[in-house]
C-alpha atoms as a PDB file:
ATOM      1  CA  UNK A   1      -0.001  -0.040  -0.235  1.00  0.00           C
ATOM      2  CA  UNK A   2       1.192   3.538  -0.650  1.00  0.00           C
ATOM      3  CA  UNK A   3       1.524   4.553   2.545  1.00  0.00           C
ATOM      4  CA  UNK A   4       3.247   8.131   1.982  1.00  0.00           C
ATOM      5  CA  UNK A   5       0.355   8.742  -0.475  1.00  0.00           C
ATOM      6  CA  UNK A   6      -2.246   8.092   2.023  1.00  0.00           C
ATOM      7  CA  UNK A   7      -0.791   9.823   4.705  1.00  0.00           C
ATOM      8  CA  UNK A   8       0.073  12.677   2.468  1.00  0.00           C
ATOM      9  CA  UNK A   9      -4.025  13.118   1.753  1.00  0.00           C
ATOM     10  CA  UNK A  10      -4.760  12.596   4.949  1.00  0.00           C
ATOM     11  CA  UNK A  11      -2.284  15.292   6.072  1.00  0.00           C
ATOM     12  CA  UNK A  12      -3.937  17.721   3.597  1.00  0.00           C
ATOM     13  CA  UNK A  13      -7.831  17.043   4.216  1.00  0.00           C
ATOM     14  CA  UNK A  14      -7.008  17.304   8.085  1.00  0.00           C
ATOM     15  CA  UNK A  15      -4.969  20.725   8.000  1.00  0.00           C
ATOM     16  CA  UNK A  16      -7.690  22.111   5.830  1.00  0.00           C
ATOM     17  CA  UNK A  17     -10.557  20.861   7.727  1.00  0.00           C
ATOM     18  CA  UNK A  18      -8.616  22.320  10.698  1.00  0.00           C
ATOM     19  CA  UNK A  19      -8.478  25.438   9.284  1.00  0.00           C
ATOM     20  CA  UNK A  20     -12.097  25.871   7.765  1.00  0.00           C
ATOM     21  CA  UNK A  21     -13.824  24.335  11.193  1.00  0.00           C
ATOM     22  CA  UNK A  22     -11.733  24.893  14.424  1.00  0.00           C
ATOM     23  CA  UNK A  23      -8.870  27.230  13.439  1.00  0.00           C
ATOM     24  CA  UNK A  24     -10.564  29.896  11.214  1.00  0.00           C
ATOM     25  CA  UNK A  25      -7.820  32.124  10.771  1.00  0.00           C
ATOM     26  CA  UNK A  26      -9.058  32.931   7.319  1.00  0.00           C
ATOM     27  CA  UNK A  27      -6.011  32.878   5.863  1.00  0.00           C
ATOM     28  CA  UNK A  28      -7.234  31.172   2.994  1.00  0.00           C
ATOM     29  CA  UNK A  29      -8.441  34.181   1.817  1.00  0.00           C
ATOM     30  CA  UNK A  30      -5.145  36.308   2.377  1.00  0.00           C
ATOM     31  CA  UNK A  31      -2.725  37.190  -0.356  1.00  0.00           C
ATOM     32  CA  UNK A  32      -0.174  37.077   1.927  1.00  0.00           C
ATOM     33  CA  UNK A  33      -0.576  33.510   2.735  1.00  0.00           C
ATOM     34  CA  UNK A  34      -0.469  32.454  -0.686  1.00  0.00           C
ATOM     35  CA  UNK A  35       2.721  34.635  -1.718  1.00  0.00           C
ATOM     36  CA  UNK A  36       4.327  32.615   1.378  1.00  0.00           C
ATOM     37  CA  UNK A  37       3.163  29.583  -0.210  1.00  0.00           C
ATOM     38  CA  UNK A  38       4.635  30.600  -3.499  1.00  0.00           C
ATOM     39  CA  UNK A  39       8.048  31.384  -1.678  1.00  0.00           C
ATOM     40  CA  UNK A  40       8.497  28.119  -0.101  1.00  0.00           C
ATOM     41  CA  UNK A  41       7.493  26.689  -3.009  1.00  0.00           C
ATOM     42  CA  UNK A  42      10.309  28.265  -4.743  1.00  0.00           C
ATOM     43  CA  UNK A  43      12.709  26.902  -2.834  1.00  0.00           C
ATOM     44  CA  UNK A  44      11.489  23.365  -2.359  1.00  0.00           C
ATOM     45  CA  UNK A  45      11.970  22.680  -6.034  1.00  0.00           C
ATOM     46  CA  UNK A  46      15.733  23.552  -5.924  1.00  0.00           C
ATOM     47  CA  UNK A  47      16.084  21.501  -2.752  1.00  0.00           C
ATOM     48  CA  UNK A  48      13.967  18.775  -2.991  1.00  0.00           C
ATOM     49  CA  UNK A  49      14.420  18.376  -6.493  1.00  0.00           C
ATOM     50  CA  UNK A  50      18.204  18.214  -5.745  1.00  0.00           C
ATOM     51  CA  UNK A  51      17.888  15.510  -3.132  1.00  0.00           C
ATOM     52  CA  UNK A  52      15.493  13.418  -5.179  1.00  0.00           C
ATOM     53  CA  UNK A  53      16.710  13.546  -8.766  1.00  0.00           C
ATOM     54  CA  UNK A  54      16.503  10.494 -10.446  1.00  0.00           C
ATOM     55  CA  UNK A  55      20.033  11.023 -12.062  1.00  0.00           C
ATOM     56  CA  UNK A  56      22.072  11.088  -8.908  1.00  0.00           C
ATOM     57  CA  UNK A  57      20.113  10.043  -6.049  1.00  0.00           C
ATOM     58  CA  UNK A  58      20.816  11.303  -2.777  1.00  0.00           C
ATOM     59  CA  UNK A  59      17.289  10.333  -1.102  1.00  0.00           C
ATOM     60  CA  UNK A  60      15.865   7.237  -2.185  1.00  0.00           C
ATOM     61  CA  UNK A  61      11.983   6.351  -1.741  1.00  0.00           C
ATOM     62  CA  UNK A  62      10.655   2.887  -1.607  1.00  0.00           C
ATOM     63  CA  UNK A  63       8.473   2.484  -4.796  1.00  0.00           C
ATOM     64  CA  UNK A  64       5.825   0.688  -2.716  1.00  0.00           C
ATOM     65  CA  UNK A  65       5.359   3.736  -0.439  1.00  0.00           C
ATOM     66  CA  UNK A  66       4.551   6.189  -2.528  1.00  0.00           C
ATOM     67  CA  UNK A  67       2.246   6.980  -5.804  1.00  0.00           C
ATOM     68  CA  UNK A  68       5.425   7.125  -8.253  1.00  0.00           C
ATOM     69  CA  UNK A  69       4.424  10.245  -9.410  1.00  0.00           C
ATOM     70  CA  UNK A  70       6.983  12.842  -9.569  1.00  0.00           C
ATOM     71  CA  UNK A  71       7.294  16.574 -10.865  1.00  0.00           C
ATOM     72  CA  UNK A  72       9.465  19.286 -10.358  1.00  0.00           C
ATOM     73  CA  UNK A  73      12.857  17.785 -11.371  1.00  0.00           C
ATOM     74  CA  UNK A  74      11.868  14.108 -10.121  1.00  0.00           C
ATOM     75  CA  UNK A  75      10.458  15.591  -6.603  1.00  0.00           C
ATOM     76  CA  UNK A  76       7.611  12.981  -5.329  1.00  0.00           C
ATOM     77  CA  UNK A  77       4.281  14.838  -5.408  1.00  0.00           C
ATOM     78  CA  UNK A  78       3.518  13.482  -1.801  1.00  0.00           C
ATOM     79  CA  UNK A  79       6.566  15.751  -0.566  1.00  0.00           C
ATOM     80  CA  UNK A  80       4.812  19.075  -2.223  1.00  0.00           C
ATOM     81  CA  UNK A  81       1.167  17.663  -0.321  1.00  0.00           C
ATOM     82  CA  UNK A  82       3.175  17.300   3.317  1.00  0.00           C
ATOM     83  CA  UNK A  83       4.816  20.584   2.487  1.00  0.00           C
ATOM     84  CA  UNK A  84       1.327  22.176   1.689  1.00  0.00           C
ATOM     85  CA  UNK A  85      -0.134  20.662   4.913  1.00  0.00           C
ATOM     86  CA  UNK A  86       2.875  21.681   7.269  1.00  0.00           C
ATOM     87  CA  UNK A  87       2.803  25.025   5.860  1.00  0.00           C
ATOM     88  CA  UNK A  88      -0.812  25.974   6.287  1.00  0.00           C
ATOM     89  CA  UNK A  89      -1.003  24.562   9.647  1.00  0.00           C
ATOM     90  CA  UNK A  90       2.033  26.471  10.908  1.00  0.00           C
ATOM     91  CA  UNK A  91       0.851  29.689   9.202  1.00  0.00           C
ATOM     92  CA  UNK A  92      -3.121  29.190  10.422  1.00  0.00           C
ATOM     93  CA  UNK A  93      -1.480  28.762  14.104  1.00  0.00           C
ATOM     94  CA  UNK A  94       0.699  31.407  13.556  1.00  0.00           C
ATOM     95  CA  UNK A  95      -2.392  33.847  12.510  1.00  0.00           C
ATOM     96  CA  UNK A  96      -4.543  32.769  15.179  1.00  0.00           C
ATOM     97  CA  UNK A  97      -2.048  33.353  17.754  1.00  0.00           C
ATOM     98  CA  UNK A  98      -1.663  36.777  16.725  1.00  0.00           C
ATOM     99  CA  UNK A  99      -5.177  37.135  17.079  1.00  0.00           C
ATOM    100  CA  UNK A 100      -6.163  36.091  20.393  1.00  0.00           C
ATOM    101  CA  UNK A 101      -7.644  32.824  21.582  1.00  0.00           C
ATOM    102  CA  UNK A 102     -10.706  33.301  19.661  1.00  0.00           C
ATOM    103  CA  UNK A 103      -9.221  32.351  16.345  1.00  0.00           C
ATOM    104  CA  UNK A 104     -12.359  33.756  13.980  1.00  0.00           C
ATOM    105  CA  UNK A 105     -11.789  37.505  15.540  1.00  0.00           C
ATOM    106  CA  UNK A 106     -10.878  38.899  12.003  1.00  0.00           C
ATOM    107  CA  UNK A 107     -10.757  37.376   8.219  1.00  0.00           C
ATOM    108  CA  UNK A 108     -13.449  35.143   8.714  1.00  0.00           C
ATOM    109  CA  UNK A 109     -16.213  37.741   8.883  1.00  0.00           C
ATOM    110  CA  UNK A 110     -14.227  39.949   6.426  1.00  0.00           C
ATOM    111  CA  UNK A 111     -12.371  42.208   9.016  1.00  0.00           C
ATOM    112  CA  UNK A 112      -8.842  43.001   8.881  1.00  0.00           C
ATOM    113  CA  UNK A 113      -5.878  40.548  10.165  1.00  0.00           C
ATOM    114  CA  UNK A 114      -4.245  41.686  13.532  1.00  0.00           C
ATOM    115  CA  UNK A 115      -0.848  40.636  13.881  1.00  0.00           C
ATOM    116  CA  UNK A 116       1.035  41.077  17.789  1.00  0.00           C
ATOM    117  CA  UNK A 117       4.199  41.830  17.776  1.00  0.00           C
ATOM    118  CA  UNK A 118       6.911  42.218  20.900  1.00  0.00           C
ATOM    119  CA  UNK A 119       9.746  44.850  20.564  1.00  0.00           C
ATOM    120  CA  UNK A 120      13.004  44.316  22.146  1.00  0.00           C
ATOM    121  CA  UNK A 121      12.195  45.910  25.467  1.00  0.00           C
ATOM    122  CA  UNK A 122       8.833  43.360  25.721  1.00  0.00           C
ATOM    123  CA  UNK A 123       6.513  45.798  24.956  1.00  0.00           C
ATOM    124  CA  UNK A 124       3.495  44.364  22.881  1.00  0.00           C
ATOM    125  CA  UNK A 125       1.919  46.198  20.110  1.00  0.00           C
ATOM    126  CA  UNK A 126      -0.767  45.202  17.414  1.00  0.00           C
ATOM    127  CA  UNK A 127      -0.783  46.330  13.893  1.00  0.00           C
ATOM    128  CA  UNK A 128      -3.933  45.897  11.494  1.00  0.00           C
ATOM    129  CA  UNK A 129      -2.885  44.324   7.858  1.00  0.00           C
ATOM    130  CA  UNK A 130      -5.215  45.087   5.583  1.00  0.00           C
ATOM    131  CA  UNK A 131      -6.393  42.341   2.924  1.00  0.00           C
END
Protein backbone atom coordinates (compact mmCIF):
# COMPACT_ATOMS: atom_id res chain seq x y z
CA UNK A 1 0.00 0.00 0.00
CA UNK A 2 1.31 3.48 -0.85
CA UNK A 3 1.43 4.74 2.76
CA UNK A 4 3.22 7.94 1.92
CA UNK A 5 0.44 8.83 -0.50
CA UNK A 6 -2.31 7.92 1.99
CA UNK A 7 -0.67 9.88 4.81
CA UNK A 8 -0.12 12.87 2.54
CA UNK A 9 -3.78 12.95 1.51
CA UNK A 10 -4.85 12.54 5.15
CA UNK A 11 -2.56 15.40 6.23
CA UNK A 12 -3.95 17.74 3.57
CA UNK A 13 -7.56 16.91 4.43
CA UNK A 14 -6.92 17.18 8.18
CA UNK A 15 -5.15 20.55 7.95
CA UNK A 16 -7.68 22.10 5.57
CA UNK A 17 -10.54 20.82 7.76
CA UNK A 18 -8.82 22.12 10.91
CA UNK A 19 -8.37 25.55 9.31
CA UNK A 20 -11.95 25.78 8.08
CA UNK A 21 -13.69 24.27 11.12
CA UNK A 22 -11.53 24.95 14.18
CA UNK A 23 -8.63 27.35 13.64
CA UNK A 24 -10.64 29.65 11.36
CA UNK A 25 -7.84 32.12 10.73
CA UNK A 26 -9.11 32.88 7.23
CA UNK A 27 -5.66 32.48 5.69
CA UNK A 28 -7.00 30.97 2.46
CA UNK A 29 -8.40 34.44 1.67
CA UNK A 30 -5.24 36.36 2.60
CA UNK A 31 -2.95 37.11 -0.37
CA UNK A 32 0.12 37.02 1.91
CA UNK A 33 -0.58 33.34 2.63
CA UNK A 34 -0.50 32.44 -1.06
CA UNK A 35 2.66 34.52 -1.54
CA UNK A 36 4.29 32.64 1.37
CA UNK A 37 3.26 29.30 -0.19
CA UNK A 38 4.80 30.45 -3.48
CA UNK A 39 8.05 31.51 -1.81
CA UNK A 40 8.34 28.17 0.00
CA UNK A 41 7.59 26.30 -3.22
CA UNK A 42 10.26 28.30 -5.05
CA UNK A 43 12.83 27.03 -2.57
CA UNK A 44 11.38 23.52 -2.43
CA UNK A 45 11.90 22.97 -6.18
CA UNK A 46 15.71 23.15 -6.14
CA UNK A 47 16.21 21.59 -2.70
CA UNK A 48 13.76 18.70 -2.99
CA UNK A 49 14.60 18.29 -6.66
CA UNK A 50 18.32 18.07 -5.97
CA UNK A 51 17.83 15.52 -3.19
CA UNK A 52 15.46 13.30 -5.17
CA UNK A 53 16.62 13.67 -8.79
CA UNK A 54 16.73 10.30 -10.48
CA UNK A 55 20.03 11.01 -12.26
CA UNK A 56 21.98 11.20 -8.97
CA UNK A 57 19.79 10.14 -6.08
CA UNK A 58 20.61 11.31 -2.55
CA UNK A 59 17.26 10.41 -0.96
CA UNK A 60 15.75 7.12 -2.07
CA UNK A 61 12.01 6.45 -1.85
CA UNK A 62 10.68 2.93 -1.62
CA UNK A 63 8.50 2.61 -4.74
CA UNK A 64 5.99 0.53 -2.78
CA UNK A 65 5.08 3.36 -0.38
CA UNK A 66 4.45 6.31 -2.70
CA UNK A 67 2.49 6.96 -5.87
CA UNK A 68 5.50 7.12 -8.17
CA UNK A 69 4.32 10.48 -9.54
CA UNK A 70 7.26 12.88 -9.71
CA UNK A 71 7.08 16.58 -10.56
CA UNK A 72 9.51 19.51 -10.65
CA UNK A 73 12.89 17.88 -11.14
CA UNK A 74 11.82 14.41 -9.94
CA UNK A 75 10.29 15.47 -6.59
CA UNK A 76 7.66 13.00 -5.38
CA UNK A 77 4.18 14.51 -5.50
CA UNK A 78 3.69 13.56 -1.84
CA UNK A 79 6.54 15.87 -0.77
CA UNK A 80 4.51 18.79 -2.12
CA UNK A 81 1.37 17.67 -0.30
CA UNK A 82 3.16 17.37 3.02
CA UNK A 83 4.86 20.72 2.44
CA UNK A 84 1.49 22.36 1.80
CA UNK A 85 -0.02 20.76 4.91
CA UNK A 86 2.88 21.73 7.17
CA UNK A 87 3.09 25.33 5.91
CA UNK A 88 -0.67 25.78 6.10
CA UNK A 89 -0.90 24.43 9.65
CA UNK A 90 2.03 26.55 10.85
CA UNK A 91 0.71 29.74 9.25
CA UNK A 92 -2.88 29.14 10.39
CA UNK A 93 -1.78 28.68 14.00
CA UNK A 94 0.55 31.66 13.79
CA UNK A 95 -2.21 33.94 12.49
CA UNK A 96 -4.65 32.63 15.08
CA UNK A 97 -2.15 33.15 17.91
CA UNK A 98 -1.60 36.73 16.76
CA UNK A 99 -5.33 37.37 17.00
CA UNK A 100 -6.01 35.99 20.47
CA UNK A 101 -7.64 32.74 21.45
CA UNK A 102 -10.95 33.09 19.60
CA UNK A 103 -9.40 32.53 16.16
CA UNK A 104 -12.21 34.08 14.11
CA UNK A 105 -11.88 37.69 15.13
CA UNK A 106 -10.70 38.90 11.76
CA UNK A 107 -10.73 37.51 8.25
CA UNK A 108 -13.50 34.96 8.80
CA UNK A 109 -15.98 37.83 8.88
CA UNK A 110 -14.22 39.95 6.24
CA UNK A 111 -12.29 42.18 8.64
CA UNK A 112 -8.65 43.11 8.84
CA UNK A 113 -5.94 40.73 9.96
CA UNK A 114 -4.45 41.84 13.25
CA UNK A 115 -0.86 40.93 14.04
CA UNK A 116 0.72 41.15 17.49
CA UNK A 117 4.44 41.80 17.90
CA UNK A 118 6.86 42.39 20.76
CA UNK A 119 9.73 44.84 20.72
CA UNK A 120 13.14 44.16 22.25
CA UNK A 121 11.98 45.84 25.45
CA UNK A 122 9.10 43.36 25.68
CA UNK A 123 6.36 45.88 24.93
CA UNK A 124 3.49 44.41 22.94
CA UNK A 125 2.07 46.23 19.96
CA UNK A 126 -0.72 45.36 17.56
CA UNK A 127 -1.01 46.23 13.87
CA UNK A 128 -3.81 45.69 11.41
CA UNK A 129 -3.07 44.47 7.91
CA UNK A 130 -5.70 45.20 5.30
CA UNK A 131 -6.52 42.35 2.96
